[in-house]
Structure formats: structure tokens, C-alpha cells
C-alpha atoms as a PDB file:
ATOM      1  CA  MET A   1       5.805  20.024  -2.881  1.00  0.00           C
ATOM      2  CA  SER A   2       2.250  19.460  -3.351  1.00  0.00           C
ATOM      3  CA  ALA A   3       0.432  16.326  -2.111  1.00  0.00           C
ATOM      4  CA  VAL A   4      -0.796  13.912  -4.483  1.00  0.00           C
ATOM      5  CA  LEU A   5      -3.158  12.535  -1.908  1.00  0.00           C
ATOM      6  CA  THR A   6      -4.573  14.303   1.234  1.00  0.00           C
ATOM      7  CA  LEU A   7      -7.081  13.331   4.138  1.00  0.00           C
ATOM      8  CA  GLU A   8      -8.396  15.963   5.827  1.00  0.00           C
ATOM      9  CA  GLY A   9     -10.592  15.542   8.949  1.00  0.00           C
ATOM     10  CA  VAL A  10     -11.573  12.046   8.016  1.00  0.00           C
ATOM     11  CA  HIS A  11     -13.949   9.995  10.101  1.00  0.00           C
ATOM     12  CA  THR A  12     -15.057   6.574   9.159  1.00  0.00           C
ATOM     13  CA  HIS A  13     -17.786   4.559  10.537  1.00  0.00           C
ATOM     14  CA  ILE A  14     -18.319   0.891  10.374  1.00  0.00           C
ATOM     15  CA  GLY A  15     -21.784  -0.195  11.609  1.00  0.00           C
ATOM     16  CA  ALA A  16     -22.102   1.120  15.374  1.00  0.00           C
ATOM     17  CA  TYR A  17     -18.056   1.517  15.709  1.00  0.00           C
ATOM     18  CA  HIS A  18     -16.551   4.722  15.041  1.00  0.00           C
ATOM     19  CA  ILE A  19     -13.103   3.870  13.707  1.00  0.00           C
ATOM     20  CA  LEU A  20     -11.243   6.771  12.367  1.00  0.00           C
ATOM     21  CA  HIS A  21     -11.240  10.093  14.521  1.00  0.00           C
ATOM     22  CA  GLY A  22     -10.147  12.721  12.225  1.00  0.00           C
ATOM     23  CA  VAL A  23      -7.356  11.610  10.289  1.00  0.00           C
ATOM     24  CA  ASP A  24      -5.136  14.189   8.758  1.00  0.00           C
ATOM     25  CA  LEU A  25      -2.717  12.587   6.230  1.00  0.00           C
ATOM     26  CA  ALA A  26      -0.573  13.858   3.143  1.00  0.00           C
ATOM     27  CA  VAL A  27       1.055  11.733   0.688  1.00  0.00           C
ATOM     28  CA  HIS A  28       3.394  13.361  -1.379  1.00  0.00           C
ATOM     29  CA  PRO A  29       4.633  12.293  -5.213  1.00  0.00           C
ATOM     30  CA  GLY A  30       7.311  10.206  -5.775  1.00  0.00           C
ATOM     31  CA  GLN A  31       7.787   9.197  -2.160  1.00  0.00           C
ATOM     32  CA  VAL A  32       6.972   6.310  -0.100  1.00  0.00           C
ATOM     33  CA  THR A  33       5.103   7.250   2.972  1.00  0.00           C
ATOM     34  CA  MET A  34       4.848   4.540   5.816  1.00  0.00           C
ATOM     35  CA  LEU A  35       1.622   4.464   7.805  1.00  0.00           C
ATOM     36  CA  LEU A  36       2.748   3.090  11.290  1.00  0.00           C
ATOM     37  CA  GLY A  37       0.869   2.260  14.579  1.00  0.00           C
ATOM     38  CA  ARG A  38      -0.046  -0.382  17.011  1.00  0.00           C
ATOM     39  CA  ASN A  39      -2.672  -2.914  16.078  1.00  0.00           C
ATOM     40  CA  GLY A  40      -6.261  -1.577  16.050  1.00  0.00           C
ATOM     41  CA  ALA A  41      -4.816   1.919  15.389  1.00  0.00           C
ATOM     42  CA  GLY A  42      -6.913   2.374  12.288  1.00  0.00           C
ATOM     43  CA  LYS A  43      -4.117   1.824   9.569  1.00  0.00           C
ATOM     44  CA  SER A  44      -5.921  -0.593   7.384  1.00  0.00           C
ATOM     45  CA  THR A  45      -9.357   1.210   7.550  1.00  0.00           C
ATOM     46  CA  THR A  46      -7.428   4.057   6.461  1.00  0.00           C
ATOM     47  CA  LEU A  47      -6.614   2.393   3.384  1.00  0.00           C
ATOM     48  CA  ARG A  48     -10.098   1.118   2.692  1.00  0.00           C
ATOM     49  CA  THR A  49     -11.696   4.512   3.362  1.00  0.00           C
ATOM     50  CA  ILE A  50      -9.239   5.750   0.721  1.00  0.00           C
ATOM     51  CA  MET A  51     -10.241   3.132  -1.858  1.00  0.00           C
ATOM     52  CA  GLY A  52     -14.070   3.666  -1.104  1.00  0.00           C
ATOM     53  CA  LEU A  53     -14.376   0.367   0.223  1.00  0.00           C
ATOM     54  CA  TRP A  54     -15.589   2.226   3.488  1.00  0.00           C
ATOM     55  CA  ALA A  55     -17.079   5.579   2.978  1.00  0.00           C
ATOM     56  CA  ALA A  56     -15.759   8.448   5.074  1.00  0.00           C
ATOM     57  CA  SER A  57     -18.759   9.741   7.139  1.00  0.00           C
ATOM     58  CA  GLN A  58     -16.777  13.103   7.889  1.00  0.00           C
ATOM     59  CA  GLY A  59     -14.140  15.064   6.398  1.00  0.00           C
ATOM     60  CA  ALA A  60     -12.627  14.939   2.715  1.00  0.00           C
ATOM     61  CA  VAL A  61     -10.449  12.379   0.767  1.00  0.00           C
ATOM     62  CA  ARG A  62      -8.644  14.152  -2.078  1.00  0.00           C
ATOM     63  CA  PHE A  63      -6.678  12.843  -5.062  1.00  0.00           C
ATOM     64  CA  LYS A  64      -4.324  15.290  -7.047  1.00  0.00           C
ATOM     65  CA  GLY A  65      -7.024  17.953  -5.740  1.00  0.00           C
ATOM     66  CA  ARG A  66     -10.254  16.268  -6.505  1.00  0.00           C
ATOM     67  CA  GLN A  67     -12.397  15.087  -3.597  1.00  0.00           C
ATOM     68  CA  ILE A  68     -12.804  11.237  -4.002  1.00  0.00           C
ATOM     69  CA  GLY A  69     -14.222  10.479  -0.505  1.00  0.00           C
ATOM     70  CA  GLY A  70     -16.197  12.182   2.187  1.00  0.00           C
ATOM     71  CA  PRO A  71     -19.633  13.695   2.218  1.00  0.00           C
ATOM     72  CA  GLY A  72     -20.692  15.249  -1.005  1.00  0.00           C
ATOM     73  CA  GLY A  73     -17.828  13.735  -2.722  1.00  0.00           C
ATOM     74  CA  GLN A  74     -17.698  10.196  -2.359  1.00  0.00           C
ATOM     75  CA  ALA A  75     -16.384   8.066  -5.520  1.00  0.00           C
ATOM     76  CA  GLY A  76     -17.009   4.339  -6.057  1.00  0.00           C
ATOM     77  CA  THR A  77     -14.217   1.732  -5.782  1.00  0.00           C
ATOM     78  CA  PRO A  78     -14.086   0.903  -9.406  1.00  0.00           C
ATOM     79  CA  GLU A  79     -14.074   4.952 -10.322  1.00  0.00           C
ATOM     80  CA  ILE A  80     -11.161   5.264  -7.901  1.00  0.00           C
ATOM     81  CA  ALA A  81      -9.052   2.523  -9.562  1.00  0.00           C
ATOM     82  CA  GLN A  82      -9.623   4.347 -12.729  1.00  0.00           C
ATOM     83  CA  LEU A  83      -7.883   7.278 -11.638  1.00  0.00           C
ATOM     84  CA  GLY A  84      -4.978   5.108 -11.069  1.00  0.00           C
ATOM     85  CA  ILE A  85      -4.709   3.954  -7.384  1.00  0.00           C
ATOM     86  CA  ALA A  86      -3.979   0.609  -7.152  1.00  0.00           C
ATOM     87  CA  TYR A  87      -4.551  -1.391  -3.668  1.00  0.00           C
ATOM     88  CA  VAL A  88      -2.798  -4.300  -2.294  1.00  0.00           C
ATOM     89  CA  PRO A  89      -4.955  -5.491   0.399  1.00  0.00           C
ATOM     90  CA  GLU A  90      -3.546  -7.369   3.639  1.00  0.00           C
ATOM     91  CA  SER A  91      -5.181 -10.289   2.311  1.00  0.00           C
ATOM     92  CA  MET A  92      -3.402 -10.065  -1.150  1.00  0.00           C
ATOM     93  CA  GLY A  93      -6.754 -10.104  -3.166  1.00  0.00           C
ATOM     94  CA  ILE A  94      -5.377 -12.585  -5.799  1.00  0.00           C
ATOM     95  CA  PHE A  95      -7.697 -15.134  -7.594  1.00  0.00           C
ATOM     96  CA  SER A  96      -6.359 -18.526  -6.026  1.00  0.00           C
ATOM     97  CA  ASP A  97      -7.884 -20.721  -9.161  1.00  0.00           C
ATOM     98  CA  LEU A  98      -6.374 -18.718 -11.832  1.00  0.00           C
ATOM     99  CA  THR A  99      -3.166 -18.651 -13.159  1.00  0.00           C
ATOM    100  CA  VAL A 100      -0.470 -16.154 -12.418  1.00  0.00           C
ATOM    101  CA  GLN A 101      -0.808 -14.991 -15.968  1.00  0.00           C
ATOM    102  CA  ASP A 102      -4.645 -14.898 -15.991  1.00  0.00           C
ATOM    103  CA  ASN A 103      -4.619 -12.654 -12.438  1.00  0.00           C
ATOM    104  CA  LEU A 104      -2.071 -10.143 -14.018  1.00  0.00           C
ATOM    105  CA  LEU A 105      -4.023  -9.783 -17.368  1.00  0.00           C
ATOM    106  CA  LEU A 106      -6.949  -9.265 -14.968  1.00  0.00           C
ATOM    107  CA  ALA A 107      -5.230  -6.619 -13.310  1.00  0.00           C
ATOM    108  CA  ALA A 108      -4.209  -4.819 -16.703  1.00  0.00           C
ATOM    109  CA  ARG A 109      -7.160  -2.688 -17.638  1.00  0.00           C
ATOM    110  CA  ALA A 110      -5.867  -1.912 -20.976  1.00  0.00           C
ATOM    111  CA  ALA A 111      -5.285  -5.799 -22.139  1.00  0.00           C
ATOM    112  CA  ARG A 112      -7.680  -8.206 -23.242  1.00  0.00           C
ATOM    113  CA  ARG A 113      -5.502 -10.935 -23.984  1.00  0.00           C
ATOM    114  CA  VAL A 114      -1.809 -11.884 -22.793  1.00  0.00           C
ATOM    115  CA  ASP A 115      -0.829 -10.606 -26.141  1.00  0.00           C
ATOM    116  CA  ASP A 116      -1.858  -7.104 -25.229  1.00  0.00           C
ATOM    117  CA  LEU A 117       0.402  -6.879 -21.960  1.00  0.00           C
ATOM    118  CA  ASP A 118       3.400  -4.404 -22.509  1.00  0.00           C
ATOM    119  CA  PRO A 119       6.380  -6.999 -22.739  1.00  0.00           C
ATOM    120  CA  ALA A 120       8.878  -4.290 -21.571  1.00  0.00           C
ATOM    121  CA  ARG A 121       6.945  -4.018 -18.241  1.00  0.00           C
ATOM    122  CA  LEU A 122       6.065  -7.578 -17.895  1.00  0.00           C
ATOM    123  CA  ASP A 123      10.167  -8.220 -18.295  1.00  0.00           C
ATOM    124  CA  TRP A 124      10.723  -5.750 -15.617  1.00  0.00           C
ATOM    125  CA  ILE A 125       8.449  -7.305 -13.418  1.00  0.00           C
ATOM    126  CA  PHE A 126       9.928 -10.665 -13.758  1.00  0.00           C
ATOM    127  CA  GLY A 127      13.144  -8.885 -13.231  1.00  0.00           C
ATOM    128  CA  LEU A 128      11.545  -7.849  -9.638  1.00  0.00           C
ATOM    129  CA  PHE A 129       9.510 -11.233  -9.212  1.00  0.00           C
ATOM    130  CA  PRO A 130      11.242 -14.268 -11.126  1.00  0.00           C
ATOM    131  CA  ALA A 131       9.250 -16.610  -9.282  1.00  0.00           C
ATOM    132  CA  LEU A 132       6.144 -15.308 -11.466  1.00  0.00           C
ATOM    133  CA  HIS A 133       8.045 -16.081 -14.380  1.00  0.00           C
ATOM    134  CA  LYS A 134       8.773 -19.504 -13.177  1.00  0.00           C
ATOM    135  CA  PHE A 135       4.947 -20.066 -12.424  1.00  0.00           C
ATOM    136  CA  TRP A 136       3.447 -18.387 -15.015  1.00  0.00           C
ATOM    137  CA  LEU A 137       1.026 -21.094 -15.871  1.00  0.00           C
ATOM    138  CA  TYR A 138       0.575 -22.045 -12.482  1.00  0.00           C
ATOM    139  CA  PRO A 139      -2.605 -21.617 -10.391  1.00  0.00           C
ATOM    140  CA  ALA A 140      -1.926 -18.775  -8.033  1.00  0.00           C
ATOM    141  CA  GLY A 141      -3.305 -20.903  -5.025  1.00  0.00           C
ATOM    142  CA  LYS A 142      -0.627 -22.932  -5.232  1.00  0.00           C
ATOM    143  CA  LEU A 143       1.916 -20.403  -4.785  1.00  0.00           C
ATOM    144  CA  SER A 144       3.579 -19.978  -1.589  1.00  0.00           C
ATOM    145  CA  GLY A 145       2.824 -17.209   0.881  1.00  0.00           C
ATOM    146  CA  GLY A 146       5.651 -15.118  -0.236  1.00  0.00           C
ATOM    147  CA  GLN A 147       4.922 -15.719  -4.139  1.00  0.00           C
ATOM    148  CA  LYS A 148       1.564 -14.798  -3.497  1.00  0.00           C
ATOM    149  CA  GLN A 149       2.476 -11.310  -2.017  1.00  0.00           C
ATOM    150  CA  MET A 150       4.910 -10.772  -4.961  1.00  0.00           C
ATOM    151  CA  LEU A 151       1.955 -11.606  -7.359  1.00  0.00           C
ATOM    152  CA  ALA A 152      -0.427  -9.179  -5.280  1.00  0.00           C
ATOM    153  CA  VAL A 153       2.076  -6.503  -5.879  1.00  0.00           C
ATOM    154  CA  ALA A 154       2.678  -7.557  -9.490  1.00  0.00           C
ATOM    155  CA  ARG A 155      -1.019  -7.041 -10.182  1.00  0.00           C
ATOM    156  CA  ALA A 156      -0.885  -3.364  -8.873  1.00  0.00           C
ATOM    157  CA  ILE A 157       2.145  -2.317 -11.121  1.00  0.00           C
ATOM    158  CA  ILE A 158       1.476  -4.373 -14.033  1.00  0.00           C
ATOM    159  CA  GLU A 159       0.265  -0.599 -15.842  1.00  0.00           C
ATOM    160  CA  PRO A 160       1.711   2.499 -14.479  1.00  0.00           C
ATOM    161  CA  ARG A 161      -0.117   3.835 -11.291  1.00  0.00           C
ATOM    162  CA  GLU A 162      -0.483   7.422  -9.892  1.00  0.00           C
ATOM    163  CA  LEU A 163      -0.328   5.978  -6.263  1.00  0.00           C
ATOM    164  CA  ILE A 164      -0.094   2.543  -4.620  1.00  0.00           C
ATOM    165  CA  LEU A 165      -1.576   1.572  -1.390  1.00  0.00           C
ATOM    166  CA  ILE A 166      -0.071  -1.520   0.282  1.00  0.00           C
ATOM    167  CA  ASP A 167      -1.255  -3.085   3.469  1.00  0.00           C
ATOM    168  CA  GLU A 168       1.218  -4.810   5.408  1.00  0.00           C
ATOM    169  CA  PRO A 169       3.020  -6.897   2.593  1.00  0.00           C
ATOM    170  CA  SER A 170       5.577  -8.761   5.056  1.00  0.00           C
ATOM    171  CA  LYS A 171       2.968 -10.053   7.338  1.00  0.00           C
ATOM    172  CA  GLY A 172       3.750 -13.697   7.930  1.00  0.00           C
ATOM    173  CA  LEU A 173       6.574 -14.087   5.492  1.00  0.00           C
ATOM    174  CA  ALA A 174       9.940 -15.452   6.361  1.00  0.00           C
ATOM    175  CA  PRO A 175      12.915 -13.188   6.521  1.00  0.00           C
ATOM    176  CA  ALA A 176      14.405 -14.002   3.420  1.00  0.00           C
ATOM    177  CA  ILE A 177      11.317 -13.511   1.409  1.00  0.00           C
ATOM    178  CA  ILE A 178      10.980 -10.074   3.039  1.00  0.00           C
ATOM    179  CA  LEU A 179      14.207  -9.042   1.877  1.00  0.00           C
ATOM    180  CA  ASN A 180      13.612  -9.972  -1.593  1.00  0.00           C
ATOM    181  CA  LEU A 181       9.992  -7.890  -1.324  1.00  0.00           C
ATOM    182  CA  VAL A 182      12.104  -5.087   0.086  1.00  0.00           C
ATOM    183  CA  ALA A 183      14.898  -5.179  -2.596  1.00  0.00           C
ATOM    184  CA  ALA A 184      11.651  -4.933  -5.211  1.00  0.00           C
ATOM    185  CA  LEU A 185      10.002  -2.158  -3.489  1.00  0.00           C
ATOM    186  CA  GLN A 186      13.213  -0.207  -3.539  1.00  0.00           C
ATOM    187  CA  GLU A 187      13.384  -0.460  -7.103  1.00  0.00           C
ATOM    188  CA  LEU A 188       9.976   0.749  -7.219  1.00  0.00           C
ATOM    189  CA  LYS A 189      11.201   3.728  -5.216  1.00  0.00           C
ATOM    190  CA  ARG A 190      14.199   4.428  -7.301  1.00  0.00           C
ATOM    191  CA  GLN A 191      11.752   4.980  -9.889  1.00  0.00           C
ATOM    192  CA  ARG A 192       9.918   7.591  -7.870  1.00  0.00           C
ATOM    193  CA  THR A 193       6.657   5.556  -7.411  1.00  0.00           C
ATOM    194  CA  THR A 194       4.045   7.245  -5.063  1.00  0.00           C
ATOM    195  CA  ILE A 195       3.249   4.304  -2.428  1.00  0.00           C
ATOM    196  CA  LEU A 196       1.328   4.494   0.957  1.00  0.00           C
ATOM    197  CA  LEU A 197       2.940   1.516   2.996  1.00  0.00           C
ATOM    198  CA  VAL A 198       1.260   0.136   6.034  1.00  0.00           C
ATOM    199  CA  GLU A 199       3.756  -2.194   7.601  1.00  0.00           C
ATOM    200  CA  GLN A 200       4.915  -3.344  11.137  1.00  0.00           C
ATOM    201  CA  ASN A 201       8.161  -4.887  10.019  1.00  0.00           C
ATOM    202  CA  PHE A 202      10.595  -1.894  10.948  1.00  0.00           C
ATOM    203  CA  MET A 203      13.513  -3.127   9.013  1.00  0.00           C
ATOM    204  CA  MET A 204      11.153  -2.599   6.150  1.00  0.00           C
ATOM    205  CA  ALA A 205       9.986   0.781   7.431  1.00  0.00           C
ATOM    206  CA  LYS A 206      13.328   2.116   7.718  1.00  0.00           C
ATOM    207  CA  ALA A 207      14.741   0.714   4.331  1.00  0.00           C
ATOM    208  CA  LEU A 208      11.589   2.317   2.484  1.00  0.00           C
ATOM    209  CA  GLY A 209      10.453   5.170   4.023  1.00  0.00           C
ATOM    210  CA  ASP A 210      10.800   8.861   2.881  1.00  0.00           C
ATOM    211  CA  GLN A 211       7.897  10.081   5.087  1.00  0.00           C
ATOM    212  CA  VAL A 212       5.879   8.866   7.825  1.00  0.00           C
ATOM    213  CA  ALA A 213       2.483   8.948   9.904  1.00  0.00           C
ATOM    214  CA  VAL A 214       2.069   7.453  13.447  1.00  0.00           C
ATOM    215  CA  MET A 215      -1.633   6.536  14.118  1.00  0.00           C
ATOM    216  CA  ASP A 216      -3.053   5.792  17.469  1.00  0.00           C
ATOM    217  CA  ASP A 217      -6.827   5.330  18.275  1.00  0.00           C
ATOM    218  CA  GLY A 218      -8.057   6.190  14.605  1.00  0.00           C
ATOM    219  CA  ARG A 219      -5.702   9.445  14.772  1.00  0.00           C
ATOM    220  CA  VAL A 220      -2.685  10.481  13.155  1.00  0.00           C
ATOM    221  CA  VAL A 221      -0.432  11.423  16.171  1.00  0.00           C
ATOM    222  CA  HIS A 222       2.747  12.400  14.375  1.00  0.00           C
ATOM    223  CA  ALA A 223       3.758  12.920  10.822  1.00  0.00           C
ATOM    224  CA  GLY A 224       7.395  13.782   9.628  1.00  0.00           C
ATOM    225  CA  ALA A 225      10.713  12.324   7.844  1.00  0.00           C
ATOM    226  CA  MET A 226      11.100   8.760   8.487  1.00  0.00           C
ATOM    227  CA  LYS A 227      14.831   9.455   8.927  1.00  0.00           C
ATOM    228  CA  GLN A 228      13.753  11.407  12.043  1.00  0.00           C
ATOM    229  CA  LEU A 229      12.017   8.581  13.503  1.00  0.00           C
ATOM    230  CA  VAL A 230      14.698   6.584  13.139  1.00  0.00           C
ATOM    231  CA  GLU A 231      17.445   8.528  14.713  1.00  0.00           C
ATOM    232  CA  ASP A 232      15.121   9.230  17.679  1.00  0.00           C
ATOM    233  CA  GLU A 233      14.806   6.192  19.777  1.00  0.00           C
ATOM    234  CA  ALA A 234      12.533   8.230  22.478  1.00  0.00           C
ATOM    235  CA  LEU A 235      10.236   9.203  19.813  1.00  0.00           C
ATOM    236  CA  GLN A 236      10.003   5.824  18.923  1.00  0.00           C
ATOM    237  CA  GLN A 237       9.225   4.925  22.255  1.00  0.00           C
ATOM    238  CA  ARG A 238       6.872   7.427  22.978  1.00  0.00           C
ATOM    239  CA  LEU A 239       4.802   6.877  19.488  1.00  0.00           C
ATOM    240  CA  LEU A 240       5.231   2.887  19.007  1.00  0.00           C
ATOM    241  CA  GLY A 241       6.411   1.447  22.449  1.00  0.00           C
ATOM    242  CA  LEU A 242       9.532  -0.051  20.929  1.00  0.00           C
ATOM    243  CA  SER A 243      12.667   0.915  19.561  1.00  0.00           C
ATOM    244  CA  LEU A 244      13.842   0.462  15.949  1.00  0.00           C
ATOM    245  CA  GLY A 245      16.987  -0.265  16.964  1.00  0.00           C
ATOM    246  CA  ALA A 246      15.563  -3.670  18.262  1.00  0.00           C
ATOM    247  CA  HIS A 247      14.464  -4.555  14.822  1.00  0.00           C
ATOM    248  CA  GLN A 248      17.767  -4.272  12.754  1.00  0.00           C
END
């Protein structure tokens, strides 16, 4: 199966700091690829490099065979988004002063007004995240942390996307809200949505992941089936310094 996204020997510098040291990564269509690793391993930098927010100083980022990152082929972030890649940053990226409605409208490239939104897709999103329907005309800044995260994900899927990058969606959320978020992402998975997901919550990783890449010190040090990592506690300890079994 051909990868929809590949990183080939990607290096990223931020000022004087060399963050990514030759990242190799493949994301296959219709699967959820988990990007795991300790804090500071380079996971968020990898997502931001894919989106062109930080330029790869060496190597190549390719989307559906086209180079979108790296020397000689660096595309701008708006162009990358236009190709069908959505990004949910750790900061969520919502507009706090705008309503839930307006946040989703801004994310829908084909819609200029609310009536232009696909009603069937909107109903589907409300099925995933009922709170967004309830607070449709509320300022997004007044939502709870979990509701803001739901809005951030909804913005990424308000239109069909080829690939969704999500950075630590469960961070700071209560366990009940995490379960709701897992259920929504599982529905996206059932629809064969291609997702690259950075996450520290191993229950979520186990529930969602098809493939996994583990990063350490700016490199991918392991890649394979999520099932293999879940079943091998010695591998978990070696790569992550902990056991998934302790996070059931």
C-alpha cells in the first residue's frame, strides 16, 4: 500500500537549534498512525514541519508523491492546506471571540455563509460532538476545554480532507471527555479517515492506532504495527520507558 505522506531524512532547525535529525516516516491511507515519544522528542515539530510552519532544512516531505517540504520543494502553509491536509495544533487554534458557527464557517473553504455548509456533514459533526450544536451561537472562548478540543477537531473535518494531523488532543482533559473524544475519532477511523496523531495518552493510542512511529531525540527509532507495540511490554519499556498496561 502506497503511503499518502512520507518524510525522507527530514531535518528541521529552529533558529540555532537542530530539532529533527533525519526523520523517516510513512503514513498510509485510511489508517491512524500514532506518533509517540517522550516530551521533547520532536513530535510537534514533525507536524509543524509537515504543515510548512517550520521549513525542513534537509530531506523531503512528500504528499501523494508531490514534494511539499524540504530544499527545492517547500510549499507554503496555505498551499499545503489547499491540498487537503488539516492540522489541529496542541493550542487548538480556535478563534475565541467568534461563535462556534463562525469558527466552522471559517474552516469551510467552499462556504461563504452558513447556508453554504453541507447540512448532512454538519449533522454528522453534531452527532460526533453534540455540544457544538447546543452551543452553536456561543463564543468559542466560553466553551470548556473539552468542548474547545471538539471544536478544533470539527474545524478540521468540516470538509472532507485527505489527511488530518492532530497534536495531543487529550492533553489536560478529564477522563470522561477523553472517552468522548476517542469515540469520535473511532468513528472517523471507521470511515477510513487518514490521521497522523500525536498523543501521550496510551489508552487512546491503543484504541485508535493502526500503525505507530516512536520518536526519540529528533528521530524515528521504531515504526510498525500498533498491535505489536501493545502486546510487547519489553518493547514499550525500551522505547517509551513505561508500560501501556499501566494505562488501561
